[in-house]
Protein backbone atom coordinates (compact mmCIF):
# COMPACT_ATOMS: atom_id res chain seq x y z
CA MET A 1 -26.86 -11.48 39.04
CA GLN A 2 -29.87 -12.92 37.24
CA THR A 3 -29.82 -11.87 33.61
CA ARG A 4 -32.78 -11.18 31.37
CA PRO A 5 -33.23 -11.83 27.66
CA ILE A 6 -32.40 -9.04 25.26
CA GLU A 7 -35.48 -8.19 23.20
CA ALA A 8 -34.04 -5.50 20.92
CA ILE A 9 -30.77 -3.87 19.90
CA VAL A 10 -30.41 -0.25 18.83
CA ILE A 11 -27.28 0.98 17.07
CA GLY A 12 -26.16 4.51 16.25
CA GLY A 13 -23.25 5.97 14.35
CA SER A 14 -22.11 8.62 11.93
CA ALA A 15 -18.77 9.12 10.20
CA GLY A 16 -17.27 5.71 9.46
CA ALA A 17 -20.31 3.81 10.71
CA LEU A 18 -21.01 2.05 7.41
CA ASP A 19 -17.76 0.10 7.65
CA ALA A 20 -18.45 -0.72 11.29
CA LEU A 21 -21.96 -1.97 10.50
CA ALA A 22 -20.62 -4.04 7.60
CA ALA A 23 -18.44 -5.82 10.15
CA LEU A 24 -21.14 -6.21 12.82
CA LEU A 25 -24.20 -7.37 10.92
CA PRO A 26 -22.68 -10.61 9.56
CA ALA A 27 -22.36 -11.80 13.17
CA LEU A 28 -26.15 -11.96 13.58
CA PRO A 29 -27.47 -15.40 12.66
CA ALA A 30 -30.57 -16.36 10.72
CA GLY A 31 -33.41 -16.60 13.17
CA CYS A 32 -32.02 -13.81 15.31
CA PRO A 33 -34.52 -13.53 18.19
CA PHE A 34 -34.67 -9.75 18.33
CA PRO A 35 -34.98 -6.76 15.97
CA VAL A 36 -32.10 -4.39 15.29
CA ALA A 37 -32.88 -0.70 14.72
CA ILE A 38 -30.15 1.53 13.30
CA VAL A 39 -29.69 5.28 13.00
CA VAL A 40 -26.85 6.54 10.83
CA HIS A 41 -26.54 10.24 10.06
CA VAL A 42 -27.35 10.56 6.37
CA PRO A 43 -28.02 13.63 4.18
CA ALA A 44 -31.61 14.80 4.61
CA ASN A 45 -32.38 15.61 1.00
CA LYS A 46 -30.97 12.59 -0.81
CA PRO A 47 -32.23 9.02 -1.14
CA SER A 48 -30.48 6.63 1.21
CA TYR A 49 -29.14 3.35 -0.11
CA LEU A 50 -28.02 2.23 3.33
CA ALA A 51 -30.58 -0.59 3.55
CA GLU A 52 -29.54 -1.98 0.17
CA VAL A 53 -25.85 -1.78 1.01
CA LEU A 54 -26.24 -3.44 4.41
CA ALA A 55 -28.58 -6.13 3.07
CA SER A 56 -25.60 -7.58 1.20
CA LYS A 57 -23.73 -7.98 4.52
CA THR A 58 -26.24 -10.05 6.48
CA VAL A 59 -28.55 -13.03 6.17
CA LEU A 60 -31.27 -11.01 7.92
CA PRO A 61 -33.78 -8.90 6.00
CA VAL A 62 -32.87 -5.20 6.01
CA LYS A 63 -35.40 -2.44 5.35
CA GLU A 64 -36.18 1.18 6.07
CA ALA A 65 -38.57 1.48 8.99
CA GLU A 66 -42.08 2.69 8.22
CA ASP A 67 -44.45 4.74 10.36
CA LYS A 68 -46.71 2.58 12.59
CA GLU A 69 -44.96 -0.59 11.39
CA PRO A 70 -45.03 -3.44 13.93
CA ILE A 71 -41.49 -4.40 14.95
CA ALA A 72 -40.60 -7.98 14.08
CA PRO A 73 -37.74 -10.10 15.44
CA GLY A 74 -34.93 -11.01 13.09
CA VAL A 75 -35.23 -7.86 10.98
CA VAL A 76 -32.73 -5.01 10.65
CA TYR A 77 -34.49 -1.65 10.43
CA ILE A 78 -32.84 1.54 9.14
CA ALA A 79 -34.06 5.04 9.97
CA PRO A 80 -35.08 6.80 6.74
CA PRO A 81 -33.52 10.13 5.76
CA ASN A 82 -34.93 13.31 7.29
CA TYR A 83 -37.09 11.52 9.89
CA HIS A 84 -36.46 10.73 13.52
CA LEU A 85 -37.15 7.07 14.27
CA LEU A 86 -38.96 6.27 17.52
CA ILE A 87 -40.14 3.05 19.12
CA GLU A 88 -43.56 3.21 20.73
CA ARG A 89 -44.54 1.28 23.85
CA GLY A 90 -46.70 -1.01 21.73
CA ARG A 91 -43.53 -2.11 19.89
CA THR A 92 -44.28 -0.24 16.69
CA PHE A 93 -42.19 2.39 14.93
CA ALA A 94 -43.08 6.05 14.62
CA LEU A 95 -41.49 8.55 12.25
CA SER A 96 -41.22 12.20 13.25
CA ASP A 97 -40.17 15.35 11.43
CA ASP A 98 -39.56 17.24 14.69
CA GLN A 99 -36.62 19.63 14.78
CA VAL A 100 -33.12 18.37 14.17
CA LEU A 101 -31.06 17.25 17.15
CA HIS A 102 -27.25 17.43 17.14
CA PHE A 103 -27.65 18.83 13.60
CA SER A 104 -29.20 15.54 12.55
CA ARG A 105 -32.54 14.05 11.62
CA PRO A 106 -32.63 11.13 12.24
CA ALA A 107 -30.91 11.50 15.61
CA ILE A 108 -29.56 8.59 17.61
CA ASP A 109 -30.74 10.00 20.95
CA VAL A 110 -34.37 10.00 19.77
CA LEU A 111 -34.27 6.29 18.88
CA PHE A 112 -32.33 5.27 21.99
CA GLU A 113 -34.49 7.21 24.46
CA SER A 114 -37.77 5.94 23.01
CA ALA A 115 -36.43 2.37 22.84
CA ALA A 116 -35.39 2.56 26.50
CA GLU A 117 -38.98 3.44 27.42
CA ALA A 118 -40.38 0.60 25.29
CA TYR A 119 -37.95 -2.19 26.21
CA GLY A 120 -36.52 -1.21 29.60
CA ASP A 121 -33.88 -3.61 30.85
CA ARG A 122 -34.30 -5.90 27.84
CA LEU A 123 -32.57 -3.49 25.47
CA ALA A 124 -28.96 -3.26 24.29
CA GLY A 125 -27.58 -0.04 22.81
CA VAL A 126 -24.45 0.27 20.67
CA VAL A 127 -22.70 3.58 19.91
CA LEU A 128 -20.26 3.44 17.02
CA THR A 129 -17.87 5.89 15.39
CA GLY A 130 -19.12 9.42 14.76
CA ALA A 131 -18.22 13.09 14.88
CA SER A 132 -20.88 14.46 17.25
CA GLU A 133 -22.23 13.83 20.74
CA ASP A 134 -25.43 12.24 19.44
CA GLY A 135 -26.13 8.94 21.20
CA ALA A 136 -24.57 9.87 24.54
CA ALA A 137 -27.80 10.98 26.23
CA GLY A 138 -29.66 8.09 24.64
CA LEU A 139 -27.18 5.51 25.88
CA ALA A 140 -27.43 7.02 29.36
CA ALA A 141 -31.22 6.58 29.14
CA ILE A 142 -30.74 2.92 28.21
CA LYS A 143 -28.51 2.41 31.25
CA ARG A 144 -31.01 4.15 33.56
CA ALA A 145 -33.65 1.72 32.32
CA GLY A 146 -31.38 -1.21 33.18
CA GLY A 147 -30.27 -1.98 29.62
CA LEU A 148 -26.88 -2.99 28.26
CA ALA A 149 -24.52 -0.27 26.96
CA ILE A 150 -21.85 -1.08 24.35
CA VAL A 151 -19.47 1.47 22.80
CA GLN A 152 -16.84 1.19 20.10
CA LEU A 153 -13.35 1.67 21.48
CA PRO A 154 -12.58 5.30 20.53
CA ALA A 155 -9.03 4.49 19.45
CA THR A 156 -10.47 2.24 16.72
CA ALA A 157 -13.12 4.72 15.53
CA SER A 158 -12.89 6.77 12.34
CA ALA A 159 -14.27 9.67 14.43
CA ARG A 160 -13.78 9.52 18.19
CA ALA A 161 -16.23 12.20 19.37
CA MET A 162 -19.34 10.03 19.46
CA PRO A 163 -17.93 7.06 21.40
CA GLU A 164 -15.99 9.35 23.74
CA ALA A 165 -19.16 11.32 24.55
CA ALA A 166 -21.07 8.11 25.22
CA ILE A 167 -18.37 6.83 27.58
CA ALA A 168 -18.38 10.15 29.43
CA ALA A 169 -22.17 10.17 29.76
CA THR A 170 -22.77 6.88 31.56
CA GLN A 171 -21.28 3.70 32.98
CA VAL A 172 -20.72 1.64 29.85
CA ASP A 173 -20.74 -2.15 30.12
CA HIS A 174 -18.43 -2.89 27.19
CA VAL A 175 -15.92 -0.68 25.34
CA LEU A 176 -14.59 -2.78 22.48
CA PRO A 177 -13.25 -2.59 18.93
CA VAL A 178 -15.82 -3.54 16.32
CA ALA A 179 -14.13 -6.91 15.81
CA GLU A 180 -15.02 -7.76 19.42
CA ILE A 181 -18.49 -6.21 19.41
CA ALA A 182 -19.48 -8.61 16.61
CA PRO A 183 -19.09 -11.83 18.67
CA LEU A 184 -20.77 -10.11 21.62
CA LEU A 185 -23.85 -9.47 19.48
CA ALA A 186 -23.70 -13.05 18.23
CA GLN A 187 -23.66 -14.23 21.85
CA LEU A 188 -26.73 -12.13 22.60
CA ALA A 189 -28.45 -13.53 19.52
CA GLY A 190 -27.52 -17.11 20.36
CA GLY A 191 -28.80 -17.18 23.92
CA ALA A 192 -30.50 -13.79 23.85
CA ARG A 193 -29.00 -13.18 27.29
CA ARG A 194 -26.59 -10.59 28.57
CA PRO A 195 -22.96 -11.57 28.83
CA GLU A 196 -21.26 -10.90 32.13
CA GLU A 197 -21.04 -7.14 32.45
CA ALA A 198 -17.53 -5.69 32.32
CA ARG A 199 -16.49 -3.57 35.25
């Protein structure tokens, strides 16, 4: 099967996701050819220091996404507290204060579903550890658009509900512990092409 370049990666997680991200982001090299957009469930009414914490784990710049900001390759974007993060078809971000989804704002599904519309089959989605079903519908949307679906192996997750829901929702290409997702992302960043899909 002819493969296409990956043009963006979206990642979602909740309980335990900070440790998982701290293991994943170092795998992405300087000059990474695509942006990475991340939603982690964080308290709505407190400042988030997620960008600062993750910036110490990667050579890539890490920042909170801003409304109407053009999306640049080689940057890690974090959804700010109390806003849904969307990707528009023109490859810019949008922030929304629409109602909470899965008790969360930002919600993973909102990012994943909008990214699937913007990037189609050139998108990879990663669902990490978490204690809700957020991300399952979004990952299914990515698969329907022809994108690549990656899920943390539930047995290795701090909270299994999120990866288990994602696996139940769609045909996932890779179910791996974080230690094996990291080199997979590095492979995508190196050649920016899909690895052989697992069946």
